[in-house]
């Protein structure tokens, strides 16, 4: 039990295929195996009436006033985000919920100037019993630790990561779409927010999670698509950071994507 919230974990059969491992390079898995006690395929979340999430002006009860039938894949302003700071002594501390909104960054912050940051992407689905299902969040926490190590950043522990995800989802649970209407996209960020001028890691770091409801990726089932292969544009190169979710890995895709659309 955490702040009056009951978490019950349920393992789901997925033909014994650990999908989480497919996200890591073989070298990473050799040195950073997730402990057996953390290996679960899904986490089911239920909140009691005494949950801390009920203390926020009643905002988290019921469903948000939104057209669930017309959800796209664009950000929607939800109620809360989670923010945790790096203490400077090797650990993160004092994490908690804040109203969703803009954040302040020093213009000299490392994430803005040198791209020291990584992202994660997760889903929360609502079941017919109103419980909320997360898929192997421990593996996402491990992947963030692997990425942070590659980018010379400290990272929350796997326990801190999973707890922060649960707290954020529960505080925004009215934004989780009904069954089969979509899912709640969860976006954890780890950023070097401290100011630097020389090419060095940031002196301060911020771990942040925001969420937004989105529609199903493939409405009406899978359909054929046309692809264009661009051989002169590379998202990842040998010795680079293509094996982790570094924030700089994605903008370089834009030009190829626009050419493919044209």
Protein backbone atom coordinates (compact mmCIF):
# COMPACT_ATOMS: atom_id res chain seq x y z
CA UNK A 1 0.00 0.00 0.00
CA UNK A 2 1.29 3.46 -0.93
CA UNK A 3 -0.46 6.54 0.49
CA UNK A 4 -3.73 4.61 0.73
CA UNK A 5 -3.44 3.26 -2.83
CA UNK A 6 -3.56 -0.49 -3.26
CA UNK A 7 -1.41 -1.95 -6.02
CA UNK A 8 -2.01 -5.56 -6.98
CA UNK A 9 0.26 -7.08 -9.59
CA UNK A 10 -0.94 -9.67 -12.05
CA UNK A 11 1.18 -11.61 -14.53
CA UNK A 12 -0.39 -12.11 -17.94
CA UNK A 13 0.49 -14.95 -20.29
CA UNK A 14 2.08 -13.65 -23.47
CA UNK A 15 3.31 -16.96 -24.85
CA UNK A 16 6.33 -16.69 -22.52
CA UNK A 17 7.88 -14.00 -24.71
CA UNK A 18 9.55 -11.24 -22.68
CA UNK A 19 8.89 -8.31 -24.98
CA UNK A 20 10.76 -5.94 -22.70
CA UNK A 21 14.11 -7.55 -23.44
CA UNK A 22 13.78 -6.85 -27.15
CA UNK A 23 14.31 -3.14 -26.43
CA UNK A 24 17.90 -3.60 -25.29
CA UNK A 25 21.12 -4.40 -27.07
CA UNK A 26 22.70 -7.73 -26.22
CA UNK A 27 25.65 -5.98 -24.60
CA UNK A 28 23.34 -4.02 -22.31
CA UNK A 29 21.48 -7.13 -21.27
CA UNK A 30 24.68 -8.91 -20.32
CA UNK A 31 25.61 -6.17 -17.86
CA UNK A 32 22.21 -4.98 -16.68
CA UNK A 33 19.87 -7.91 -16.30
CA UNK A 34 16.65 -7.00 -14.52
CA UNK A 35 16.44 -8.95 -11.24
CA UNK A 36 14.01 -11.86 -11.34
CA UNK A 37 11.82 -10.26 -8.67
CA UNK A 38 11.16 -7.35 -11.06
CA UNK A 39 10.27 -9.45 -14.11
CA UNK A 40 6.53 -9.09 -14.64
CA UNK A 41 4.58 -8.62 -17.81
CA UNK A 42 1.87 -6.33 -16.48
CA UNK A 43 0.95 -4.30 -13.42
CA UNK A 44 -2.67 -3.75 -12.48
CA UNK A 45 -3.49 -0.61 -10.49
CA UNK A 46 -6.56 -0.03 -8.34
CA UNK A 47 -7.19 2.94 -6.06
CA UNK A 48 -9.21 2.91 -2.87
CA UNK A 49 -11.41 5.80 -1.76
CA UNK A 50 -8.69 6.83 0.69
CA UNK A 51 -6.22 7.29 -2.13
CA UNK A 52 -4.11 10.44 -2.12
CA UNK A 53 -5.34 11.04 -5.66
CA UNK A 54 -8.78 11.86 -4.24
CA UNK A 55 -7.39 14.83 -2.35
CA UNK A 56 -6.92 16.98 -5.45
CA UNK A 57 -10.25 18.86 -5.51
CA UNK A 58 -12.10 15.82 -6.77
CA UNK A 59 -10.56 16.30 -10.20
CA UNK A 60 -9.43 12.73 -10.58
CA UNK A 61 -12.86 11.15 -10.17
CA UNK A 62 -15.05 10.20 -13.10
CA UNK A 63 -13.99 10.76 -16.68
CA UNK A 64 -12.58 13.84 -18.32
CA UNK A 65 -14.88 15.92 -20.51
CA UNK A 66 -13.37 14.86 -23.80
CA UNK A 67 -14.54 13.14 -26.98
CA UNK A 68 -13.07 9.67 -26.61
CA UNK A 69 -14.16 8.81 -30.14
CA UNK A 70 -11.96 11.49 -31.68
CA UNK A 71 -8.66 11.08 -29.89
CA UNK A 72 -5.62 11.55 -32.07
CA UNK A 73 -1.94 11.47 -31.19
CA UNK A 74 -1.54 15.05 -30.03
CA UNK A 75 -0.80 16.34 -26.52
CA UNK A 76 -3.84 16.96 -24.31
CA UNK A 77 -3.49 19.08 -21.18
CA UNK A 78 -4.10 16.76 -18.22
CA UNK A 79 -4.16 17.49 -14.48
CA UNK A 80 -0.77 16.62 -12.98
CA UNK A 81 2.84 15.84 -13.79
CA UNK A 82 5.52 14.29 -11.59
CA UNK A 83 8.83 16.05 -10.95
CA UNK A 84 11.89 14.80 -9.07
CA UNK A 85 15.29 16.47 -8.73
CA UNK A 86 18.79 15.08 -8.47
CA UNK A 87 20.29 15.83 -5.08
CA UNK A 88 23.91 16.14 -6.22
CA UNK A 89 25.06 13.32 -3.93
CA UNK A 90 24.20 10.55 -6.34
CA UNK A 91 20.48 10.14 -5.62
CA UNK A 92 17.14 11.59 -6.66
CA UNK A 93 14.89 12.97 -3.94
CA UNK A 94 11.74 14.95 -3.08
CA UNK A 95 9.68 13.74 -6.00
CA UNK A 96 6.01 14.60 -6.17
CA UNK A 97 3.03 15.76 -8.18
CA UNK A 98 2.71 19.25 -9.60
CA UNK A 99 0.00 20.85 -11.67
CA UNK A 100 0.65 20.18 -15.32
CA UNK A 101 2.22 23.22 -16.91
CA UNK A 102 5.30 24.81 -18.38
CA UNK A 103 8.68 24.27 -16.80
CA UNK A 104 11.54 26.75 -16.44
CA UNK A 105 14.94 26.02 -17.97
CA UNK A 106 18.15 28.00 -17.79
CA UNK A 107 19.14 29.01 -21.35
CA UNK A 108 22.52 27.41 -20.63
CA UNK A 109 21.00 24.10 -19.53
CA UNK A 110 22.80 21.09 -20.91
CA UNK A 111 19.65 19.55 -22.36
CA UNK A 112 19.03 22.66 -24.51
CA UNK A 113 22.62 23.18 -25.64
CA UNK A 114 24.05 19.70 -25.90
CA UNK A 115 21.02 17.41 -25.88
CA UNK A 116 21.73 15.61 -22.62
CA UNK A 117 18.39 13.93 -22.13
CA UNK A 118 16.51 10.69 -22.67
CA UNK A 119 12.85 9.78 -22.95
CA UNK A 120 10.66 6.78 -22.31
CA UNK A 121 7.28 5.83 -23.71
CA UNK A 122 4.65 3.71 -21.98
CA UNK A 123 0.93 2.95 -22.06
CA UNK A 124 -1.80 2.65 -19.44
CA UNK A 125 -4.97 0.81 -20.46
CA UNK A 126 -8.27 0.78 -18.59
CA UNK A 127 -9.94 -2.58 -18.04
CA UNK A 128 -13.68 -3.24 -17.78
CA UNK A 129 -13.42 -3.43 -13.97
CA UNK A 130 -11.97 0.14 -14.01
CA UNK A 131 -8.54 -1.05 -12.97
CA UNK A 132 -5.62 0.33 -14.95
CA UNK A 133 -3.03 -1.88 -16.58
CA UNK A 134 0.63 -1.00 -17.13
CA UNK A 135 2.82 -3.23 -19.30
CA UNK A 136 6.17 -4.19 -17.70
CA UNK A 137 7.02 -0.72 -16.25
CA UNK A 138 10.09 -2.20 -14.53
CA UNK A 139 11.66 -2.83 -17.94
CA UNK A 140 11.18 0.82 -18.89
CA UNK A 141 12.88 1.80 -15.66
CA UNK A 142 15.80 -0.45 -16.52
CA UNK A 143 16.03 0.96 -20.04
CA UNK A 144 16.15 4.48 -18.62
CA UNK A 145 19.03 3.48 -16.35
CA UNK A 146 20.90 1.99 -19.32
CA UNK A 147 20.30 5.14 -21.37
CA UNK A 148 21.31 7.40 -18.50
CA UNK A 149 24.58 5.54 -18.11
CA UNK A 150 25.35 6.00 -21.82
CA UNK A 151 24.54 9.73 -21.59
CA UNK A 152 26.55 10.28 -18.37
CA UNK A 153 23.44 10.97 -16.30
CA UNK A 154 22.21 9.72 -12.94
CA UNK A 155 18.87 7.91 -13.02
CA UNK A 156 16.10 7.09 -10.56
CA UNK A 157 16.16 3.57 -9.21
CA UNK A 158 13.77 1.11 -10.82
CA UNK A 159 11.63 1.29 -7.69
CA UNK A 160 11.51 5.10 -7.83
CA UNK A 161 10.67 4.99 -11.53
CA UNK A 162 7.78 2.54 -11.15
CA UNK A 163 6.37 4.31 -8.10
CA UNK A 164 6.47 7.66 -9.91
CA UNK A 165 4.67 6.19 -12.93
CA UNK A 166 1.92 4.72 -10.73
CA UNK A 167 1.43 7.96 -8.80
CA UNK A 168 1.23 10.00 -12.02
CA UNK A 169 -1.24 7.63 -13.70
CA UNK A 170 -3.51 7.48 -10.67
CA UNK A 171 -3.53 11.26 -10.27
CA UNK A 172 -4.60 11.54 -13.93
CA UNK A 173 -6.79 8.44 -14.08
CA UNK A 174 -9.85 10.36 -15.31
CA UNK A 175 -7.85 10.87 -18.52
CA UNK A 176 -7.37 7.14 -19.14
CA UNK A 177 -9.69 6.34 -22.08
CA UNK A 178 -12.44 3.75 -21.61
CA UNK A 179 -11.66 0.21 -22.79
CA UNK A 180 -10.91 0.00 -26.52
CA UNK A 181 -11.09 3.79 -26.95
CA UNK A 182 -7.35 4.38 -26.74
CA UNK A 183 -4.81 4.55 -23.93
CA UNK A 184 -2.97 6.95 -21.67
CA UNK A 185 0.44 7.71 -23.14
CA UNK A 186 3.07 8.03 -20.38
CA UNK A 187 6.17 10.07 -21.16
CA UNK A 188 9.02 9.95 -18.58
CA UNK A 189 11.85 12.43 -19.24
CA UNK A 190 15.33 12.58 -17.76
CA UNK A 191 17.08 15.88 -18.50
CA UNK A 192 20.34 17.61 -17.73
CA UNK A 193 18.75 20.86 -16.57
CA UNK A 194 21.81 22.42 -14.94
CA UNK A 195 23.71 25.19 -16.80
CA UNK A 196 26.95 24.44 -18.65
CA UNK A 197 29.07 26.17 -21.26
CA UNK A 198 31.95 23.75 -21.69
CA UNK A 199 31.19 20.34 -23.14
CA UNK A 200 30.56 18.58 -19.82
CA UNK A 201 27.59 16.82 -18.19
CA UNK A 202 25.05 18.98 -16.38
CA UNK A 203 25.50 19.65 -12.65
CA UNK A 204 21.74 19.25 -12.06
CA UNK A 205 19.19 16.78 -13.40
CA UNK A 206 15.40 16.57 -13.48
CA UNK A 207 13.19 13.48 -13.81
CA UNK A 208 9.70 14.37 -15.06
CA UNK A 209 6.63 12.39 -16.11
CA UNK A 210 3.64 13.73 -18.00
CA UNK A 211 0.71 11.86 -19.51
CA UNK A 212 -1.80 12.44 -22.28
CA UNK A 213 -4.71 10.39 -23.66
CA UNK A 214 -4.33 9.20 -27.24
CA UNK A 215 -6.37 7.13 -29.66
CA UNK A 216 -5.55 3.66 -30.86
CA UNK A 217 -2.64 3.47 -33.27
CA UNK A 218 -4.48 1.30 -35.78
CA UNK A 219 -8.18 2.10 -35.94
CA UNK A 220 -10.09 -0.61 -37.77
CA UNK A 221 -7.21 -3.08 -37.63
CA UNK A 222 -3.87 -3.33 -39.39
CA UNK A 223 -3.67 -1.97 -42.92
CA UNK A 224 -1.01 -2.00 -45.60
CA UNK A 225 1.24 1.06 -45.80
CA UNK A 226 3.71 2.33 -48.37
CA UNK A 227 7.32 2.82 -47.27
CA UNK A 228 10.21 4.83 -48.70
CA UNK A 229 13.74 3.72 -47.78
CA UNK A 230 16.26 6.58 -47.45
CA UNK A 231 19.81 5.27 -47.62
CA UNK A 232 21.55 8.63 -47.20
CA UNK A 233 19.86 9.55 -43.90
CA UNK A 234 20.79 7.59 -40.77
CA UNK A 235 19.10 7.82 -37.39
CA UNK A 236 21.79 5.74 -35.68
CA UNK A 237 25.47 5.18 -36.46
CA UNK A 238 28.08 2.74 -35.12
CA UNK A 239 29.37 3.97 -31.78
CA UNK A 240 26.52 6.43 -31.38
CA UNK A 241 23.49 6.49 -29.09
CA UNK A 242 20.98 4.75 -31.34
CA UNK A 243 20.68 1.94 -28.81
CA UNK A 244 19.16 4.27 -26.18
CA UNK A 245 16.26 6.70 -26.29
CA UNK A 246 18.37 9.86 -26.45
CA UNK A 247 16.28 12.92 -27.30
CA UNK A 248 18.54 13.83 -30.22
CA UNK A 249 17.76 10.57 -32.00
CA UNK A 250 14.40 11.68 -33.33
CA UNK A 251 14.50 15.16 -34.90
CA UNK A 252 16.90 13.89 -37.56
CA UNK A 253 14.08 11.69 -38.82
CA UNK A 254 11.83 14.63 -39.70
CA UNK A 255 13.29 15.42 -43.12
CA UNK A 256 13.07 11.80 -44.28
CA UNK A 257 9.53 11.58 -42.94
CA UNK A 258 8.40 14.67 -44.81
CA UNK A 259 10.01 13.42 -48.03
CA UNK A 260 8.18 10.12 -47.61
CA UNK A 261 4.86 11.92 -47.22
CA UNK A 262 5.50 14.05 -50.29
